[in-house]
Every structure is written in C-alpha cells, then in structure tokens.
Protein backbone atom coordinates (compact mmCIF):
# COMPACT_ATOMS: atom_id res chain seq x y z
CA MET A 1 105.61 182.63 205.71
CA ALA A 2 106.59 183.91 202.10
CA LEU A 3 107.91 187.45 201.92
CA THR A 4 106.02 190.45 200.82
CA LYS A 5 106.91 192.11 197.59
CA ASP A 6 107.79 194.88 199.72
CA THR A 7 110.11 193.33 201.46
CA THR A 8 111.66 191.90 198.01
CA THR A 9 112.05 194.84 196.67
CA ALA A 10 113.55 196.67 199.53
CA VAL A 11 116.14 193.83 199.99
CA VAL A 12 117.02 193.91 196.21
CA SER A 13 117.44 197.51 196.37
CA LYS A 14 119.46 197.73 199.03
CA PHE A 15 121.65 194.77 198.32
CA GLY A 16 121.60 194.53 194.35
CA ALA A 17 122.87 196.72 191.89
CA ASN A 18 119.57 197.74 190.75
CA GLU A 19 116.38 196.70 191.61
CA LYS A 20 116.22 194.06 188.93
CA ASP A 21 119.35 192.44 190.01
CA THR A 22 117.62 189.78 191.66
CA GLY A 23 120.15 186.60 190.58
CA ASN A 24 123.18 188.27 192.60
CA THR A 25 124.55 186.41 195.41
CA LYS A 26 124.59 188.54 197.75
CA VAL A 27 120.82 189.81 196.90
CA GLN A 28 120.15 185.86 197.24
CA ILE A 29 121.90 185.38 200.45
CA ALA A 30 119.81 188.57 202.05
CA LEU A 31 116.55 186.93 200.99
CA LEU A 32 117.01 183.68 202.19
CA THR A 33 118.38 185.77 205.52
CA GLU A 34 114.97 187.43 205.64
CA ARG A 35 112.98 184.25 205.13
CA ILE A 36 115.01 182.40 207.86
CA ASN A 37 114.52 184.98 210.46
CA GLN A 38 110.45 185.03 209.75
CA LEU A 39 110.28 181.31 209.57
CA THR A 40 112.80 181.02 213.03
CA GLU A 41 109.86 183.49 214.74
CA HIS A 42 107.07 181.23 213.17
CA CYS A 43 108.72 177.82 214.57
CA LYS A 44 109.45 179.36 218.14
CA THR A 45 105.62 179.72 218.11
CA PHE A 46 104.58 176.92 216.57
CA LYS A 47 106.78 174.33 217.88
CA LYS A 48 105.06 171.35 216.59
CA ASP A 49 105.05 172.48 213.19
CA LYS A 50 107.79 170.05 212.01
CA ASN A 51 107.12 170.97 207.82
CA SER A 52 107.96 174.21 208.69
CA GLN A 53 111.39 173.06 210.83
CA ARG A 54 112.19 171.43 207.76
CA GLY A 55 111.84 173.86 205.75
CA LEU A 56 114.29 176.40 208.02
CA ILE A 57 117.05 173.77 207.71
CA ILE A 58 116.97 173.66 204.32
CA LEU A 59 117.05 177.31 203.85
CA VAL A 60 119.56 177.60 206.24
CA GLY A 61 121.53 174.92 204.39
CA GLN A 62 121.31 176.82 201.04
CA ARG A 63 122.47 179.85 202.33
CA ARG A 64 125.09 178.49 203.66
CA ARG A 65 126.15 176.92 200.27
CA LEU A 66 125.72 180.23 198.67
CA LEU A 67 127.62 181.64 201.28
CA LYS A 68 130.85 178.96 200.81
CA TYR A 69 130.50 179.99 197.10
CA LEU A 70 130.70 183.82 198.09
CA GLN A 71 133.90 183.13 200.51
CA ARG A 72 135.51 181.54 197.60
CA ARG A 73 134.92 184.19 195.15
CA ASP A 74 135.23 187.14 197.06
CA LEU A 75 136.36 187.17 200.45
CA GLU A 76 135.93 190.79 201.17
CA THR A 77 132.45 191.07 200.21
CA TYR A 78 131.79 188.13 202.06
CA ARG A 79 133.07 189.29 205.23
CA SER A 80 130.81 192.80 204.60
CA LEU A 81 127.92 190.98 204.07
CA ILE A 82 127.84 188.75 207.08
CA GLN A 83 128.91 191.53 208.88
CA GLU A 84 126.11 193.50 207.45
CA LEU A 85 123.14 190.63 207.97
CA GLY A 86 124.32 189.72 211.31
CA ILE A 87 124.64 186.20 210.55
CA ARG A 88 127.68 185.32 212.27
CA LYS A 89 128.93 187.54 215.61
C-alpha cells in the first residue's frame, strides 16, 4: 500500500529542488497523488475494503487542502502542477 523508497525518491527528485526537499508543497502533492492512484487501483479490486476507502477519502481531502494553499500562494505553479500530474482534465 505504501510508496516504495524508489518511487518516493523519483517523485522528490522530479518535483523538488533537490533530493532532500520533501517538505515542498509540490512534492507533497505529487506524493499524495501517487498514493491516491495506488489506493484507487486497490479499491477497484477489493470493493469491500472500507478501511482503504476511508483512507483514500482522507488522502484526497489532504491533497485538496494543499492544492488550495498552492493556488492562493502561486497560481502559475498550481496550474503547471495540475497539468503535469493530470489531476483535473
């Protein structure tokens, strides 16, 4: 269920300023998106796993709050991140 170390380092190096930049808002949103995608596939397979569905809803809400923060702070970064991650189409 959790992200592997390789996936995490790949996402951090792609969206962060350096490989230790895990606190950046863009990196947090990208990591949450990866976890959401994994949980979505899991919930499609195991439809009765209500605990995972609840966790998915929590992650989506957390990502929504971070996106709202990024939209208030830096609109251009928000738009480019949305397009790059393919969150809203």
